[in-house]
């Protein structure tokens, strides 16, 4: 099996390279960086721009699946996101179709449903309620994936990734996705025999999770980690909750509260745990 990984130089992509190289006969990692350090056995690196359809066709030629993590990972103005996040998603699905790939495994986000309240379990059938232009791009890509499945028979797994970072605040007690569970989720999204068009929440087995993942049981994703191990320390230092603050009451957290076009990550503390080779 030949896999292609976009966004390989990113924080999450860096953790996927080694397990995907072990899973595949060959792995083509790609990003805009000049290099990504030492390569794993069976891995090659190609610098490529996802905003070019011809480039993506060349990149995906001969592959079985693409794991698509390449995009701007934060809120920006619409014009900035248009190329990498909107057109880039189209280029991936269209190139996958032209190259007869079997499946696109896509890094979607909970920001596609970020304006839903976090006080009840949100299922996979919840309506799109994007919290930002960034979230809107995830809605576009999910609908694109459904259309390419229904019209062209190209499978997709859209992983609505939550807080895949070190737990530093109360919100993450429900939204945390550990690195090990991320790897497990991507692996199941690749090796499940039949997926059709599937959506799954990328969240660990947290006691306080606001997500209902039961409709994605066919993927065999069984997260093992639980953010409750951090709860006592986090809650002891947390300020009083404000139930009318969208950053605390909505699934999207700070992304639900920032003005359109303003960075959501700037309101968060994300520890850079990019894996170095």
Protein backbone atom coordinates (compact mmCIF):
# COMPACT_ATOMS: atom_id res chain seq x y z
CA UNK A 1 0.00 0.00 0.00
CA UNK A 2 1.26 3.43 -0.96
CA UNK A 3 0.15 6.34 1.24
CA UNK A 4 0.55 10.08 0.80
CA UNK A 5 0.64 12.38 3.84
CA UNK A 6 0.16 16.12 3.36
CA UNK A 7 1.09 18.55 6.12
CA UNK A 8 3.95 16.28 7.16
CA UNK A 9 5.99 19.18 8.57
CA UNK A 10 3.14 20.30 10.83
CA UNK A 11 2.82 19.58 14.54
CA UNK A 12 0.29 16.74 14.12
CA UNK A 13 1.67 15.50 10.82
CA UNK A 14 5.10 15.05 12.39
CA UNK A 15 3.64 12.44 14.77
CA UNK A 16 1.97 10.53 11.92
CA UNK A 17 4.99 9.99 9.71
CA UNK A 18 6.53 7.07 11.60
CA UNK A 19 3.31 5.04 12.14
CA UNK A 20 2.17 5.61 8.56
CA UNK A 21 5.58 4.58 7.22
CA UNK A 22 5.28 1.38 9.24
CA UNK A 23 1.71 0.79 8.01
CA UNK A 24 2.46 1.28 4.30
CA UNK A 25 4.77 -0.28 1.78
CA UNK A 26 5.78 3.25 0.86
CA UNK A 27 4.92 6.67 2.29
CA UNK A 28 5.22 9.95 0.42
CA UNK A 29 5.30 12.82 2.90
CA UNK A 30 4.66 16.32 1.62
CA UNK A 31 4.57 19.93 2.77
CA UNK A 32 5.83 23.37 1.79
CA UNK A 33 8.99 23.06 3.90
CA UNK A 34 12.31 22.46 2.19
CA UNK A 35 12.76 19.30 4.27
CA UNK A 36 11.45 17.37 7.28
CA UNK A 37 14.66 15.89 8.70
CA UNK A 38 15.70 12.24 8.60
CA UNK A 39 13.26 9.98 6.76
CA UNK A 40 11.79 6.77 8.11
CA UNK A 41 12.23 3.46 6.23
CA UNK A 42 10.02 3.50 3.17
CA UNK A 43 9.39 7.25 3.39
CA UNK A 44 10.20 9.86 0.76
CA UNK A 45 9.63 13.60 0.92
CA UNK A 46 8.21 15.85 -1.80
CA UNK A 47 7.88 19.61 -1.43
CA UNK A 48 4.49 20.42 -2.96
CA UNK A 49 1.84 23.14 -2.90
CA UNK A 50 -1.73 21.90 -2.36
CA UNK A 51 -3.12 24.98 -4.11
CA UNK A 52 -1.95 23.52 -7.47
CA UNK A 53 -4.19 20.80 -8.89
CA UNK A 54 -1.54 19.59 -11.34
CA UNK A 55 0.96 19.29 -8.50
CA UNK A 56 -1.49 17.24 -6.44
CA UNK A 57 -2.19 14.94 -9.38
CA UNK A 58 1.53 14.30 -9.69
CA UNK A 59 1.86 13.80 -5.93
CA UNK A 60 -1.00 11.30 -5.66
CA UNK A 61 -0.18 9.27 -8.78
CA UNK A 62 0.05 5.58 -7.92
CA UNK A 63 -1.14 5.99 -4.32
CA UNK A 64 -3.90 3.99 -2.64
CA UNK A 65 -4.93 6.64 -0.08
CA UNK A 66 -4.05 10.16 0.97
CA UNK A 67 -3.99 11.36 4.58
CA UNK A 68 -4.67 15.06 4.21
CA UNK A 69 -3.40 17.30 7.04
CA UNK A 70 -2.04 20.12 4.88
CA UNK A 71 -3.73 23.52 5.45
CA UNK A 72 -3.55 26.66 7.54
CA UNK A 73 -4.48 25.45 11.04
CA UNK A 74 -6.01 28.62 12.46
CA UNK A 75 -8.57 31.30 11.71
CA UNK A 76 -7.53 33.87 9.10
CA UNK A 77 -9.42 36.16 6.73
CA UNK A 78 -11.32 34.34 4.01
CA UNK A 79 -8.94 35.39 1.22
CA UNK A 80 -5.96 33.90 3.07
CA UNK A 81 -7.73 30.58 3.68
CA UNK A 82 -9.25 30.33 0.22
CA UNK A 83 -6.20 28.81 -1.45
CA UNK A 84 -4.84 26.25 1.03
CA UNK A 85 -8.03 25.38 2.94
CA UNK A 86 -10.80 25.59 0.35
CA UNK A 87 -9.18 25.15 -3.07
CA UNK A 88 -6.56 22.86 -1.53
CA UNK A 89 -9.30 20.52 -0.30
CA UNK A 90 -10.90 20.45 -3.74
CA UNK A 91 -7.52 19.72 -5.32
CA UNK A 92 -6.97 16.75 -3.00
CA UNK A 93 -10.34 15.14 -3.74
CA UNK A 94 -10.17 15.87 -7.46
CA UNK A 95 -6.61 14.58 -7.73
CA UNK A 96 -7.57 11.49 -5.71
CA UNK A 97 -10.41 10.87 -8.18
CA UNK A 98 -8.23 11.37 -11.25
CA UNK A 99 -5.56 9.05 -9.81
CA UNK A 100 -8.13 6.38 -8.82
CA UNK A 101 -7.32 6.47 -5.11
CA UNK A 102 -9.51 4.43 -2.84
CA UNK A 103 -9.87 6.85 0.08
CA UNK A 104 -9.17 10.32 1.44
CA UNK A 105 -8.49 10.48 5.19
CA UNK A 106 -9.09 14.10 6.12
CA UNK A 107 -8.15 16.20 9.15
CA UNK A 108 -11.45 17.95 9.71
CA UNK A 109 -12.14 19.79 12.95
CA UNK A 110 -14.73 20.31 15.65
CA UNK A 111 -14.80 23.91 14.40
CA UNK A 112 -17.15 22.68 11.68
CA UNK A 113 -19.74 22.40 14.48
CA UNK A 114 -18.11 24.90 16.82
CA UNK A 115 -21.19 27.01 17.63
CA UNK A 116 -23.11 24.07 19.11
CA UNK A 117 -23.37 24.28 22.93
CA UNK A 118 -21.12 21.93 24.87
CA UNK A 119 -23.71 21.18 27.54
CA UNK A 120 -25.14 18.14 25.74
CA UNK A 121 -23.70 15.32 23.68
CA UNK A 122 -23.23 16.36 20.06
CA UNK A 123 -23.69 13.48 17.64
CA UNK A 124 -22.21 12.96 14.20
CA UNK A 125 -25.53 13.95 12.65
CA UNK A 126 -25.33 17.45 14.14
CA UNK A 127 -25.81 20.22 11.60
CA UNK A 128 -22.79 22.19 10.49
CA UNK A 129 -22.43 25.31 12.65
CA UNK A 130 -18.95 26.68 11.86
CA UNK A 131 -17.43 29.12 14.32
CA UNK A 132 -14.97 30.76 11.90
CA UNK A 133 -13.94 30.87 8.25
CA UNK A 134 -11.53 28.09 9.28
CA UNK A 135 -14.49 26.01 10.46
CA UNK A 136 -16.39 26.88 7.29
CA UNK A 137 -13.54 25.38 5.25
CA UNK A 138 -13.95 22.15 7.23
CA UNK A 139 -17.68 22.13 6.43
CA UNK A 140 -16.85 22.63 2.75
CA UNK A 141 -14.38 19.75 2.74
CA UNK A 142 -16.75 17.40 4.56
CA UNK A 143 -19.52 18.14 2.06
CA UNK A 144 -17.00 17.76 -0.76
CA UNK A 145 -16.06 14.32 0.59
CA UNK A 146 -19.70 13.25 0.81
CA UNK A 147 -20.34 14.42 -2.76
CA UNK A 148 -17.27 12.61 -4.16
CA UNK A 149 -18.45 9.41 -2.42
CA UNK A 150 -22.03 9.68 -3.65
CA UNK A 151 -21.19 10.81 -7.19
CA UNK A 152 -17.81 9.19 -7.83
CA UNK A 153 -17.40 6.35 -5.33
CA UNK A 154 -14.32 7.85 -3.63
CA UNK A 155 -14.33 6.92 0.06
CA UNK A 156 -13.59 9.50 2.76
CA UNK A 157 -13.08 9.53 6.50
CA UNK A 158 -13.44 13.02 7.96
CA UNK A 159 -11.86 13.16 11.42
CA UNK A 160 -13.24 16.07 13.44
CA UNK A 161 -10.14 16.59 15.53
CA UNK A 162 -10.66 18.29 18.89
CA UNK A 163 -7.85 19.48 21.21
CA UNK A 164 -4.82 17.45 20.19
CA UNK A 165 -2.38 19.24 22.48
CA UNK A 166 -1.20 19.20 26.08
CA UNK A 167 -4.08 19.73 28.53
CA UNK A 168 -3.64 23.19 30.06
CA UNK A 169 -7.24 24.35 30.62
CA UNK A 170 -10.65 23.18 31.79
CA UNK A 171 -12.14 22.97 28.28
CA UNK A 172 -9.61 20.33 27.25
CA UNK A 173 -10.89 17.99 29.98
CA UNK A 174 -13.66 17.21 27.50
CA UNK A 175 -12.00 17.87 24.14
CA UNK A 176 -8.53 16.36 24.61
CA UNK A 177 -7.17 13.99 21.95
CA UNK A 178 -3.92 12.34 22.98
CA UNK A 179 -1.18 11.75 20.43
CA UNK A 180 -1.53 7.98 20.88
CA UNK A 181 -5.27 8.18 20.24
CA UNK A 182 -4.66 10.40 17.19
CA UNK A 183 -2.35 7.76 15.75
CA UNK A 184 -4.92 5.05 16.55
CA UNK A 185 -7.67 7.08 14.86
CA UNK A 186 -5.68 7.67 11.68
CA UNK A 187 -4.60 4.02 11.57
CA UNK A 188 -8.21 2.82 11.87
CA UNK A 189 -9.25 5.33 9.20
CA UNK A 190 -6.69 3.78 6.85
CA UNK A 191 -6.99 0.06 7.60
CA UNK A 192 -10.78 -0.29 8.00
CA UNK A 193 -11.82 -2.35 4.94
CA UNK A 194 -14.89 -0.30 3.96
CA UNK A 195 -15.73 3.21 5.15
CA UNK A 196 -17.89 4.80 2.47
CA UNK A 197 -18.26 8.38 3.62
CA UNK A 198 -17.65 8.52 7.37
CA UNK A 199 -17.30 11.22 9.99
CA UNK A 200 -15.74 10.58 13.40
CA UNK A 201 -14.85 12.81 16.33
CA UNK A 202 -11.14 12.89 17.08
CA UNK A 203 -11.38 12.90 20.85
CA UNK A 204 -10.01 10.66 23.59
CA UNK A 205 -12.10 8.62 26.03
CA UNK A 206 -12.73 11.60 28.28
CA UNK A 207 -15.27 11.42 31.11
CA UNK A 208 -16.38 14.98 30.27
CA UNK A 209 -16.51 14.63 26.47
CA UNK A 210 -19.34 16.59 24.81
CA UNK A 211 -19.30 14.28 21.77
CA UNK A 212 -21.29 11.16 20.84
CA UNK A 213 -19.05 8.99 18.62
CA UNK A 214 -21.31 5.92 18.59
CA UNK A 215 -22.27 6.32 14.91
CA UNK A 216 -18.63 5.80 13.93
CA UNK A 217 -18.21 2.44 15.69
CA UNK A 218 -17.65 0.70 12.34
CA UNK A 219 -14.23 2.36 12.12
CA UNK A 220 -13.00 0.44 15.14
CA UNK A 221 -11.74 3.60 16.86
CA UNK A 222 -11.48 2.81 20.56
CA UNK A 223 -9.60 5.63 22.34
CA UNK A 224 -7.80 4.65 25.53
CA UNK A 225 -6.65 7.91 27.13
CA UNK A 226 -8.76 10.06 29.45
CA UNK A 227 -8.17 13.70 30.38
CA UNK A 228 -9.69 13.11 33.81
CA UNK A 229 -6.18 12.35 35.04
CA UNK A 230 -5.49 16.10 34.77
CA UNK A 231 -8.79 17.31 36.23
CA UNK A 232 -7.84 17.88 39.86
CA UNK A 233 -4.84 20.05 39.06
CA UNK A 234 -6.54 21.94 36.22
CA UNK A 235 -9.75 22.72 38.12
CA UNK A 236 -7.87 23.83 41.23
CA UNK A 237 -6.36 26.70 39.22
CA UNK A 238 -9.26 27.42 36.85
CA UNK A 239 -11.07 30.78 37.20
CA UNK A 240 -14.84 30.78 37.82
CA UNK A 241 -16.78 29.66 34.74
CA UNK A 242 -18.78 32.20 32.71
CA UNK A 243 -21.75 30.37 31.13
CA UNK A 244 -22.51 33.22 28.71
CA UNK A 245 -18.98 33.35 27.29
CA UNK A 246 -19.00 31.48 23.94
CA UNK A 247 -15.39 30.46 24.58
CA UNK A 248 -16.64 28.41 27.54
CA UNK A 249 -20.17 27.45 26.45
CA UNK A 250 -19.60 26.44 22.82
CA UNK A 251 -17.87 23.41 21.30
CA UNK A 252 -15.41 25.64 19.46
CA UNK A 253 -14.05 27.26 22.61
CA UNK A 254 -12.03 30.42 21.87
CA UNK A 255 -12.74 30.05 18.13
CA UNK A 256 -16.44 30.59 18.92
CA UNK A 257 -15.67 33.90 20.62
CA UNK A 258 -13.12 35.58 18.32
CA UNK A 259 -14.21 37.93 15.52
CA UNK A 260 -14.21 36.40 12.05
CA UNK A 261 -10.70 36.50 10.65
CA UNK A 262 -9.00 36.79 14.06
CA UNK A 263 -6.71 34.02 15.32
CA UNK A 264 -8.29 31.49 17.65
CA UNK A 265 -4.95 29.95 18.56
CA UNK A 266 -3.77 33.31 19.89
CA UNK A 267 -6.33 32.88 22.69
CA UNK A 268 -4.97 29.45 23.61
CA UNK A 269 -1.80 27.98 25.08
CA UNK A 270 -0.56 25.35 22.64
CA UNK A 271 2.64 23.60 23.60
CA UNK A 272 4.77 22.93 20.52
CA UNK A 273 5.38 19.20 20.67
CA UNK A 274 6.37 18.77 17.02
CA UNK A 275 8.25 15.49 16.69
CA UNK A 276 11.81 15.84 15.45
CA UNK A 277 13.61 13.10 13.51
